[in-house]
mmCIF file of all heavy atoms, coordinates in Angstrom:
data_MODEL
# 
_entry.id   MODEL 
# 
loop_
_atom_site.group_PDB 
_atom_site.id 
_atom_site.type_symbol 
_atom_site.label_atom_id 
_atom_site.label_alt_id 
_atom_site.label_comp_id 
_atom_site.label_asym_id 
_atom_site.label_entity_id 
_atom_site.label_seq_id 
_atom_site.pdbx_PDB_ins_code 
_atom_site.Cartn_x 
_atom_site.Cartn_y 
_atom_site.Cartn_z 
_atom_site.occupancy 
_atom_site.B_iso_or_equiv 
_atom_site.pdbx_formal_charge 
_atom_site.auth_seq_id 
_atom_site.auth_comp_id 
_atom_site.auth_asym_id 
_atom_site.auth_atom_id 
_atom_site.pdbx_PDB_model_num 
ATOM 1   N N   . GLU A 1 1  ? 94.846 95.753  75.942  1.00 0.00 ? 1  GLU A N   1 
ATOM 2   C CA  . GLU A 1 1  ? 96.008 96.614  75.769  1.00 0.00 ? 1  GLU A CA  1 
ATOM 3   C C   . GLU A 1 1  ? 95.658 98.112  75.786  1.00 0.00 ? 1  GLU A C   1 
ATOM 4   O O   . GLU A 1 1  ? 96.542 98.924  75.940  1.00 0.00 ? 1  GLU A O   1 
ATOM 5   C CB  . GLU A 1 1  ? 96.710 96.277  74.426  1.00 0.00 ? 1  GLU A CB  1 
ATOM 6   C CG  . GLU A 1 1  ? 97.141 94.837  74.268  1.00 0.00 ? 1  GLU A CG  1 
ATOM 7   C CD  . GLU A 1 1  ? 98.354 94.514  75.105  1.00 0.00 ? 1  GLU A CD  1 
ATOM 8   O OE1 . GLU A 1 1  ? 99.188 95.408  75.301  1.00 0.00 ? 1  GLU A OE1 1 
ATOM 9   O OE2 . GLU A 1 1  ? 98.467 93.370  75.568  1.00 0.00 ? 1  GLU A OE2 1 
ATOM 10  N N   . SER A 1 2  ? 94.385 98.435  75.627  1.00 0.00 ? 2  SER A N   1 
ATOM 11  C CA  . SER A 1 2  ? 94.010 99.837  75.519  1.00 0.00 ? 2  SER A CA  1 
ATOM 12  C C   . SER A 1 2  ? 93.477 100.424 76.812  1.00 0.00 ? 2  SER A C   1 
ATOM 13  O O   . SER A 1 2  ? 92.722 101.383 76.799  1.00 0.00 ? 2  SER A O   1 
ATOM 14  C CB  . SER A 1 2  ? 92.927 99.980  74.424  1.00 0.00 ? 2  SER A CB  1 
ATOM 15  O OG  . SER A 1 2  ? 91.763 99.259  74.822  1.00 0.00 ? 2  SER A OG  1 
ATOM 16  N N   . LEU A 1 3  ? 93.889 99.857  77.953  1.00 0.00 ? 3  LEU A N   1 
ATOM 17  C CA  . LEU A 1 3  ? 93.376 100.386 79.214  1.00 0.00 ? 3  LEU A CA  1 
ATOM 18  C C   . LEU A 1 3  ? 93.940 101.769 79.505  1.00 0.00 ? 3  LEU A C   1 
ATOM 19  O O   . LEU A 1 3  ? 95.078 102.068 79.249  1.00 0.00 ? 3  LEU A O   1 
ATOM 20  C CB  . LEU A 1 3  ? 93.817 99.439  80.350  1.00 0.00 ? 3  LEU A CB  1 
ATOM 21  C CG  . LEU A 1 3  ? 93.175 98.058  80.396  1.00 0.00 ? 3  LEU A CG  1 
ATOM 22  C CD1 . LEU A 1 3  ? 93.781 97.241  81.571  1.00 0.00 ? 3  LEU A CD1 1 
ATOM 23  C CD2 . LEU A 1 3  ? 91.685 98.172  80.531  1.00 0.00 ? 3  LEU A CD2 1 
ATOM 24  N N   . LYS A 1 4  ? 93.052 102.620 80.001  1.00 0.00 ? 4  LYS A N   1 
ATOM 25  C CA  . LYS A 1 4  ? 93.462 103.954 80.470  1.00 0.00 ? 4  LYS A CA  1 
ATOM 26  C C   . LYS A 1 4  ? 94.199 103.799 81.790  1.00 0.00 ? 4  LYS A C   1 
ATOM 27  O O   . LYS A 1 4  ? 94.047 102.748 82.436  1.00 0.00 ? 4  LYS A O   1 
ATOM 28  C CB  . LYS A 1 4  ? 92.235 104.823 80.645  1.00 0.00 ? 4  LYS A CB  1 
ATOM 29  C CG  . LYS A 1 4  ? 91.483 105.087 79.334  1.00 0.00 ? 4  LYS A CG  1 
ATOM 30  C CD  . LYS A 1 4  ? 90.197 105.840 79.576  1.00 0.00 ? 4  LYS A CD  1 
ATOM 31  C CE  . LYS A 1 4  ? 89.436 105.981 78.255  1.00 0.00 ? 4  LYS A CE  1 
ATOM 32  N NZ  . LYS A 1 4  ? 88.088 106.460 78.490  1.00 0.00 ? 4  LYS A NZ  1 
ATOM 33  N N   . PRO A 1 5  ? 95.006 104.761 82.206  1.00 0.00 ? 5  PRO A N   1 
ATOM 34  C CA  . PRO A 1 5  ? 95.769 104.650 83.454  1.00 0.00 ? 5  PRO A CA  1 
ATOM 35  C C   . PRO A 1 5  ? 94.939 104.237 84.667  1.00 0.00 ? 5  PRO A C   1 
ATOM 36  O O   . PRO A 1 5  ? 95.330 103.324 85.416  1.00 0.00 ? 5  PRO A O   1 
ATOM 37  C CB  . PRO A 1 5  ? 96.408 106.010 83.633  1.00 0.00 ? 5  PRO A CB  1 
ATOM 38  C CG  . PRO A 1 5  ? 96.530 106.541 82.243  1.00 0.00 ? 5  PRO A CG  1 
ATOM 39  C CD  . PRO A 1 5  ? 95.297 106.021 81.512  1.00 0.00 ? 5  PRO A CD  1 
ATOM 40  N N   . HIS A 1 6  ? 93.763 104.843 84.860  1.00 0.00 ? 6  HIS A N   1 
ATOM 41  C CA  . HIS A 1 6  ? 92.937 104.495 86.018  1.00 0.00 ? 6  HIS A CA  1 
ATOM 42  C C   . HIS A 1 6  ? 92.384 103.070 85.895  1.00 0.00 ? 6  HIS A C   1 
ATOM 43  O O   . HIS A 1 6  ? 92.190 102.384 86.886  1.00 0.00 ? 6  HIS A O   1 
ATOM 44  C CB  . HIS A 1 6  ? 91.811 105.523 86.246  1.00 0.00 ? 6  HIS A CB  1 
ATOM 45  C CG  . HIS A 1 6  ? 90.722 105.474 85.237  1.00 0.00 ? 6  HIS A CG  1 
ATOM 46  N ND1 . HIS A 1 6  ? 90.783 106.098 84.019  1.00 0.00 ? 6  HIS A ND1 1 
ATOM 47  C CD2 . HIS A 1 6  ? 89.505 104.864 85.252  1.00 0.00 ? 6  HIS A CD2 1 
ATOM 48  C CE1 . HIS A 1 6  ? 89.673 105.896 83.349  1.00 0.00 ? 6  HIS A CE1 1 
ATOM 49  N NE2 . HIS A 1 6  ? 88.911 105.119 84.079  1.00 0.00 ? 6  HIS A NE2 1 
ATOM 50  N N   . GLU A 1 7  ? 92.109 102.629 84.651  1.00 0.00 ? 7  GLU A N   1 
ATOM 51  C CA  . GLU A 1 7  ? 91.626 101.259 84.462  1.00 0.00 ? 7  GLU A CA  1 
ATOM 52  C C   . GLU A 1 7  ? 92.745 100.246 84.766  1.00 0.00 ? 7  GLU A C   1 
ATOM 53  O O   . GLU A 1 7  ? 92.496 99.152  85.255  1.00 0.00 ? 7  GLU A O   1 
ATOM 54  C CB  . GLU A 1 7  ? 91.126 101.071 83.036  1.00 0.00 ? 7  GLU A CB  1 
ATOM 55  C CG  . GLU A 1 7  ? 89.860 101.910 82.752  1.00 0.00 ? 7  GLU A CG  1 
ATOM 56  C CD  . GLU A 1 7  ? 89.515 101.959 81.265  1.00 0.00 ? 7  GLU A CD  1 
ATOM 57  O OE1 . GLU A 1 7  ? 90.405 101.851 80.420  1.00 0.00 ? 7  GLU A OE1 1 
ATOM 58  O OE2 . GLU A 1 7  ? 88.312 102.101 80.990  1.00 0.00 ? 7  GLU A OE2 1 
ATOM 59  N N   . GLN A 1 8  ? 93.976 100.595 84.430  1.00 0.00 ? 8  GLN A N   1 
ATOM 60  C CA  . GLN A 1 8  ? 95.119 99.738  84.710  1.00 0.00 ? 8  GLN A CA  1 
ATOM 61  C C   . GLN A 1 8  ? 95.304 99.606  86.224  1.00 0.00 ? 8  GLN A C   1 
ATOM 62  O O   . GLN A 1 8  ? 95.566 98.500  86.712  1.00 0.00 ? 8  GLN A O   1 
ATOM 63  C CB  . GLN A 1 8  ? 96.401 100.328 84.094  1.00 0.00 ? 8  GLN A CB  1 
ATOM 64  C CG  . GLN A 1 8  ? 97.621 99.470  84.264  1.00 0.00 ? 8  GLN A CG  1 
ATOM 65  C CD  . GLN A 1 8  ? 97.551 98.184  83.496  1.00 0.00 ? 8  GLN A CD  1 
ATOM 66  O OE1 . GLN A 1 8  ? 97.077 98.168  82.356  1.00 0.00 ? 8  GLN A OE1 1 
ATOM 67  N NE2 . GLN A 1 8  ? 97.962 97.076  84.117  1.00 0.00 ? 8  GLN A NE2 1 
ATOM 68  N N   . VAL A 1 9  ? 95.131 100.695 86.953  1.00 0.00 ? 9  VAL A N   1 
ATOM 69  C CA  . VAL A 1 9  ? 95.219 100.639 88.404  1.00 0.00 ? 9  VAL A CA  1 
ATOM 70  C C   . VAL A 1 9  ? 94.147 99.684  88.974  1.00 0.00 ? 9  VAL A C   1 
ATOM 71  O O   . VAL A 1 9  ? 94.433 98.830  89.807  1.00 0.00 ? 9  VAL A O   1 
ATOM 72  C CB  . VAL A 1 9  ? 95.071 102.056 89.052  1.00 0.00 ? 9  VAL A CB  1 
ATOM 73  C CG1 . VAL A 1 9  ? 94.881 101.983 90.553  1.00 0.00 ? 9  VAL A CG1 1 
ATOM 74  C CG2 . VAL A 1 9  ? 96.271 102.931 88.693  1.00 0.00 ? 9  VAL A CG2 1 
ATOM 75  N N   . SER A 1 10 ? 92.919 99.858  88.469  1.00 0.00 ? 10 SER A N   1 
ATOM 76  C CA  . SER A 1 10 ? 91.826 98.971  88.934  1.00 0.00 ? 10 SER A CA  1 
ATOM 77  C C   . SER A 1 10 ? 92.127 97.497  88.602  1.00 0.00 ? 10 SER A C   1 
ATOM 78  O O   . SER A 1 10 ? 91.882 96.632  89.432  1.00 0.00 ? 10 SER A O   1 
ATOM 79  C CB  . SER A 1 10 ? 90.503 99.404  88.306  1.00 0.00 ? 10 SER A CB  1 
ATOM 80  O OG  . SER A 1 10 ? 90.125 100.676 88.747  1.00 0.00 ? 10 SER A OG  1 
ATOM 81  N N   . ARG A 1 11 ? 92.651 97.258  87.432  1.00 0.00 ? 11 ARG A N   1 
ATOM 82  C CA  . ARG A 1 11 ? 92.979 95.899  86.996  1.00 0.00 ? 11 ARG A CA  1 
ATOM 83  C C   . ARG A 1 11 ? 94.007 95.263  87.925  1.00 0.00 ? 11 ARG A C   1 
ATOM 84  O O   . ARG A 1 11 ? 93.897 94.148  88.401  1.00 0.00 ? 11 ARG A O   1 
ATOM 85  C CB  . ARG A 1 11 ? 93.496 95.902  85.556  1.00 0.00 ? 11 ARG A CB  1 
ATOM 86  C CG  . ARG A 1 11 ? 93.942 94.548  85.086  1.00 0.00 ? 11 ARG A CG  1 
ATOM 87  C CD  . ARG A 1 11 ? 94.767 94.736  83.776  1.00 0.00 ? 11 ARG A CD  1 
ATOM 88  N NE  . ARG A 1 11 ? 95.647 93.620  83.601  1.00 0.00 ? 11 ARG A NE  1 
ATOM 89  C CZ  . ARG A 1 11 ? 96.842 93.448  84.179  1.00 0.00 ? 11 ARG A CZ  1 
ATOM 90  N NH1 . ARG A 1 11 ? 97.332 94.332  85.007  1.00 0.00 ? 11 ARG A NH1 1 
ATOM 91  N NH2 . ARG A 1 11 ? 97.562 92.390  83.938  1.00 0.00 ? 11 ARG A NH2 1 
ATOM 92  N N   . ASP A 1 12 ? 95.061 96.018  88.211  1.00 0.00 ? 12 ASP A N   1 
ATOM 93  C CA  . ASP A 1 12 ? 96.153 95.526  89.080  1.00 0.00 ? 12 ASP A CA  1 
ATOM 94  C C   . ASP A 1 12 ? 95.625 95.244  90.479  1.00 0.00 ? 12 ASP A C   1 
ATOM 95  O O   . ASP A 1 12 ? 95.974 94.231  91.099  1.00 0.00 ? 12 ASP A O   1 
ATOM 96  C CB  . ASP A 1 12 ? 97.298 96.497  89.120  1.00 0.00 ? 12 ASP A CB  1 
ATOM 97  C CG  . ASP A 1 12 ? 98.031 96.609  87.756  1.00 0.00 ? 12 ASP A CG  1 
ATOM 98  O OD1 . ASP A 1 12 ? 97.827 95.744  86.904  1.00 0.00 ? 12 ASP A OD1 1 
ATOM 99  O OD2 . ASP A 1 12 ? 98.762 97.601  87.614  1.00 0.00 ? 12 ASP A OD2 1 
ATOM 100 N N   . LEU A 1 13 ? 94.793 96.106  90.978  1.00 0.00 ? 13 LEU A N   1 
ATOM 101 C CA  . LEU A 1 13 ? 94.226 95.924  92.304  1.00 0.00 ? 13 LEU A CA  1 
ATOM 102 C C   . LEU A 1 13 ? 93.307 94.719  92.337  1.00 0.00 ? 13 LEU A C   1 
ATOM 103 O O   . LEU A 1 13 ? 93.280 93.929  93.302  1.00 0.00 ? 13 LEU A O   1 
ATOM 104 C CB  . LEU A 1 13 ? 93.497 97.203  92.767  1.00 0.00 ? 13 LEU A CB  1 
ATOM 105 C CG  . LEU A 1 13 ? 94.369 98.394  93.108  1.00 0.00 ? 13 LEU A CG  1 
ATOM 106 C CD1 . LEU A 1 13 ? 93.528 99.671  93.242  1.00 0.00 ? 13 LEU A CD1 1 
ATOM 107 C CD2 . LEU A 1 13 ? 95.177 98.138  94.366  1.00 0.00 ? 13 LEU A CD2 1 
ATOM 108 N N   . ALA A 1 14 ? 92.503 94.536  91.312  1.00 0.00 ? 14 ALA A N   1 
ATOM 109 C CA  . ALA A 1 14 ? 91.573 93.390  91.228  1.00 0.00 ? 14 ALA A CA  1 
ATOM 110 C C   . ALA A 1 14 ? 92.390 92.082  91.190  1.00 0.00 ? 14 ALA A C   1 
ATOM 111 O O   . ALA A 1 14 ? 91.965 91.107  91.843  1.00 0.00 ? 14 ALA A O   1 
ATOM 112 C CB  . ALA A 1 14 ? 90.682 93.533  90.020  1.00 0.00 ? 14 ALA A CB  1 
ATOM 113 N N   . LEU A 1 15 ? 93.487 92.089  90.481  1.00 0.00 ? 15 LEU A N   1 
ATOM 114 C CA  . LEU A 1 15 ? 94.330 90.866  90.426  1.00 0.00 ? 15 LEU A CA  1 
ATOM 115 C C   . LEU A 1 15 ? 94.884 90.572  91.824  1.00 0.00 ? 15 LEU A C   1 
ATOM 116 O O   . LEU A 1 15 ? 94.951 89.379  92.262  1.00 0.00 ? 15 LEU A O   1 
ATOM 117 C CB  . LEU A 1 15 ? 95.467 91.018  89.440  1.00 0.00 ? 15 LEU A CB  1 
ATOM 118 C CG  . LEU A 1 15 ? 95.052 90.987  87.974  1.00 0.00 ? 15 LEU A CG  1 
ATOM 119 C CD1 . LEU A 1 15 ? 96.219 91.445  87.083  1.00 0.00 ? 15 LEU A CD1 1 
ATOM 120 C CD2 . LEU A 1 15 ? 94.583 89.583  87.582  1.00 0.00 ? 15 LEU A CD2 1 
ATOM 121 N N   . ALA A 1 16 ? 95.263 91.604  92.590  1.00 0.00 ? 16 ALA A N   1 
ATOM 122 C CA  . ALA A 1 16 ? 95.738 91.405  93.952  1.00 0.00 ? 16 ALA A CA  1 
ATOM 123 C C   . ALA A 1 16 ? 94.624 90.884  94.842  1.00 0.00 ? 16 ALA A C   1 
ATOM 124 O O   . ALA A 1 16 ? 94.881 90.002  95.734  1.00 0.00 ? 16 ALA A O   1 
ATOM 125 C CB  . ALA A 1 16 ? 96.318 92.733  94.506  1.00 0.00 ? 16 ALA A CB  1 
ATOM 126 N N   . VAL A 1 17 ? 93.413 91.360  94.667  1.00 0.00 ? 17 VAL A N   1 
ATOM 127 C CA  . VAL A 1 17 ? 92.273 90.841  95.448  1.00 0.00 ? 17 VAL A CA  1 
ATOM 128 C C   . VAL A 1 17 ? 92.047 89.363  95.134  1.00 0.00 ? 17 VAL A C   1 
ATOM 129 O O   . VAL A 1 17 ? 91.847 88.546  96.069  1.00 0.00 ? 17 VAL A O   1 
ATOM 130 C CB  . VAL A 1 17 ? 90.987 91.647  95.191  1.00 0.00 ? 17 VAL A CB  1 
ATOM 131 C CG1 . VAL A 1 17 ? 89.765 91.004  95.850  1.00 0.00 ? 17 VAL A CG1 1 
ATOM 132 C CG2 . VAL A 1 17 ? 91.165 93.064  95.682  1.00 0.00 ? 17 VAL A CG2 1 
ATOM 133 N N   . LEU A 1 18 ? 92.085 89.000  93.861  1.00 0.00 ? 18 LEU A N   1 
ATOM 134 C CA  . LEU A 1 18 ? 91.864 87.602  93.509  1.00 0.00 ? 18 LEU A CA  1 
ATOM 135 C C   . LEU A 1 18 ? 92.965 86.724  94.081  1.00 0.00 ? 18 LEU A C   1 
ATOM 136 O O   . LEU A 1 18 ? 92.683 85.545  94.461  1.00 0.00 ? 18 LEU A O   1 
ATOM 137 C CB  . LEU A 1 18 ? 91.766 87.456  91.967  1.00 0.00 ? 18 LEU A CB  1 
ATOM 138 C CG  . LEU A 1 18 ? 90.526 88.053  91.350  1.00 0.00 ? 18 LEU A CG  1 
ATOM 139 C CD1 . LEU A 1 18 ? 90.565 87.869  89.853  1.00 0.00 ? 18 LEU A CD1 1 
ATOM 140 C CD2 . LEU A 1 18 ? 89.261 87.450  91.915  1.00 0.00 ? 18 LEU A CD2 1 
ATOM 141 N N   . ALA A 1 19 ? 94.165 87.199  94.154  1.00 0.00 ? 19 ALA A N   1 
ATOM 142 C CA  . ALA A 1 19 ? 95.251 86.412  94.767  1.00 0.00 ? 19 ALA A CA  1 
ATOM 143 C C   . ALA A 1 19 ? 94.950 86.199  96.263  1.00 0.00 ? 19 ALA A C   1 
ATOM 144 O O   . ALA A 1 19 ? 95.079 85.073  96.773  1.00 0.00 ? 19 ALA A O   1 
ATOM 145 C CB  . ALA A 1 19 ? 96.610 87.111  94.586  1.00 0.00 ? 19 ALA A CB  1 
ATOM 146 N N   . ASN A 1 20 ? 94.505 87.234  96.949  1.00 0.00 ? 20 ASN A N   1 
ATOM 147 C CA  . ASN A 1 20 ? 94.152 87.113  98.360  1.00 0.00 ? 20 ASN A CA  1 
ATOM 148 C C   . ASN A 1 20 ? 92.940 86.215  98.543  1.00 0.00 ? 20 ASN A C   1 
ATOM 149 O O   . ASN A 1 20 ? 92.885 85.373  99.411  1.00 0.00 ? 20 ASN A O   1 
ATOM 150 C CB  . ASN A 1 20 ? 93.898 88.496  98.943  1.00 0.00 ? 20 ASN A CB  1 
ATOM 151 C CG  . ASN A 1 20 ? 94.012 88.538  100.454 1.00 0.00 ? 20 ASN A CG  1 
ATOM 152 O OD1 . ASN A 1 20 ? 94.626 87.689  101.088 1.00 0.00 ? 20 ASN A OD1 1 
ATOM 153 N ND2 . ASN A 1 20 ? 93.384 89.553  101.040 1.00 0.00 ? 20 ASN A ND2 1 
ATOM 154 N N   . ASP A 1 21 ? 91.973 86.358  97.641  1.00 0.00 ? 21 ASP A N   1 
ATOM 155 C CA  . ASP A 1 21 ? 90.739 85.549  97.637  1.00 0.00 ? 21 ASP A CA  1 
ATOM 156 C C   . ASP A 1 21 ? 91.127 84.056  97.488  1.00 0.00 ? 21 ASP A C   1 
ATOM 157 O O   . ASP A 1 21 ? 90.623 83.229  98.240  1.00 0.00 ? 21 ASP A O   1 
ATOM 158 C CB  . ASP A 1 21 ? 89.871 85.992  96.459  1.00 0.00 ? 21 ASP A CB  1 
ATOM 159 C CG  . ASP A 1 21 ? 88.632 85.172  96.274  1.00 0.00 ? 21 ASP A CG  1 
ATOM 160 O OD1 . ASP A 1 21 ? 88.740 84.059  95.719  1.00 0.00 ? 21 ASP A OD1 1 
ATOM 161 O OD2 . ASP A 1 21 ? 87.542 85.626  96.645  1.00 0.00 ? 21 ASP A OD2 1 
ATOM 162 N N   . SER A 1 22 ? 91.970 83.766  96.566  1.00 0.00 ? 22 SER A N   1 
ATOM 163 C CA  . SER A 1 22 ? 92.402 82.396  96.324  1.00 0.00 ? 22 SER A CA  1 
ATOM 164 C C   . SER A 1 22 ? 93.160 81.811  97.528  1.00 0.00 ? 22 SER A C   1 
ATOM 165 O O   . SER A 1 22 ? 92.899 80.665  97.940  1.00 0.00 ? 22 SER A O   1 
ATOM 166 C CB  . SER A 1 22 ? 93.273 82.342  95.066  1.00 0.00 ? 22 SER A CB  1 
ATOM 167 O OG  . SER A 1 22 ? 93.768 81.027  94.845  1.00 0.00 ? 22 SER A OG  1 
ATOM 168 N N   . GLU A 1 23 ? 94.041 82.602  98.073  1.00 0.00 ? 23 GLU A N   1 
ATOM 169 C CA  . GLU A 1 23 ? 94.831 82.173  99.216  1.00 0.00 ? 23 GLU A CA  1 
ATOM 170 C C   . GLU A 1 23 ? 93.968 81.867  100.421 1.00 0.00 ? 23 GLU A C   1 
ATOM 171 O O   . GLU A 1 23 ? 94.210 80.925  101.172 1.00 0.00 ? 23 GLU A O   1 
ATOM 172 C CB  . GLU A 1 23 ? 95.857 83.262  99.557  1.00 0.00 ? 23 GLU A CB  1 
ATOM 173 C CG  . GLU A 1 23 ? 96.712 82.928  100.759 1.00 0.00 ? 23 GLU A CG  1 
ATOM 174 C CD  . GLU A 1 23 ? 97.657 84.060  101.100 1.00 0.00 ? 23 GLU A CD  1 
ATOM 175 O OE1 . GLU A 1 23 ? 98.237 84.695  100.184 1.00 0.00 ? 23 GLU A OE1 1 
ATOM 176 O OE2 . GLU A 1 23 ? 97.788 84.367  102.313 1.00 0.00 ? 23 GLU A OE2 1 
ATOM 177 N N   . LYS A 1 24 ? 92.916 82.669  100.611 1.00 0.00 ? 24 LYS A N   1 
ATOM 178 C CA  . LYS A 1 24 ? 92.081 82.560  101.831 1.00 0.00 ? 24 LYS A CA  1 
ATOM 179 C C   . LYS A 1 24 ? 90.767 81.838  101.599 1.00 0.00 ? 24 LYS A C   1 
ATOM 180 O O   . LYS A 1 24 ? 90.003 81.656  102.538 1.00 0.00 ? 24 LYS A O   1 
ATOM 181 C CB  . LYS A 1 24 ? 91.890 83.954  102.396 1.00 0.00 ? 24 LYS A CB  1 
ATOM 182 C CG  . LYS A 1 24 ? 93.240 84.542  102.792 1.00 0.00 ? 24 LYS A CG  1 
ATOM 183 C CD  . LYS A 1 24 ? 93.132 85.780  103.643 1.00 0.00 ? 24 LYS A CD  1 
ATOM 184 C CE  . LYS A 1 24 ? 94.482 86.119  104.200 1.00 0.00 ? 24 LYS A CE  1 
ATOM 185 N NZ  . LYS A 1 24 ? 95.139 87.212  103.509 1.00 0.00 ? 24 LYS A NZ  1 
# 
């Protein structure tokens, strides 16, 4: 819950990568 704004961006992008990773 204590992520800084730039860490939140990285987290959201990493989740998107994992979704693509799983799909492919």
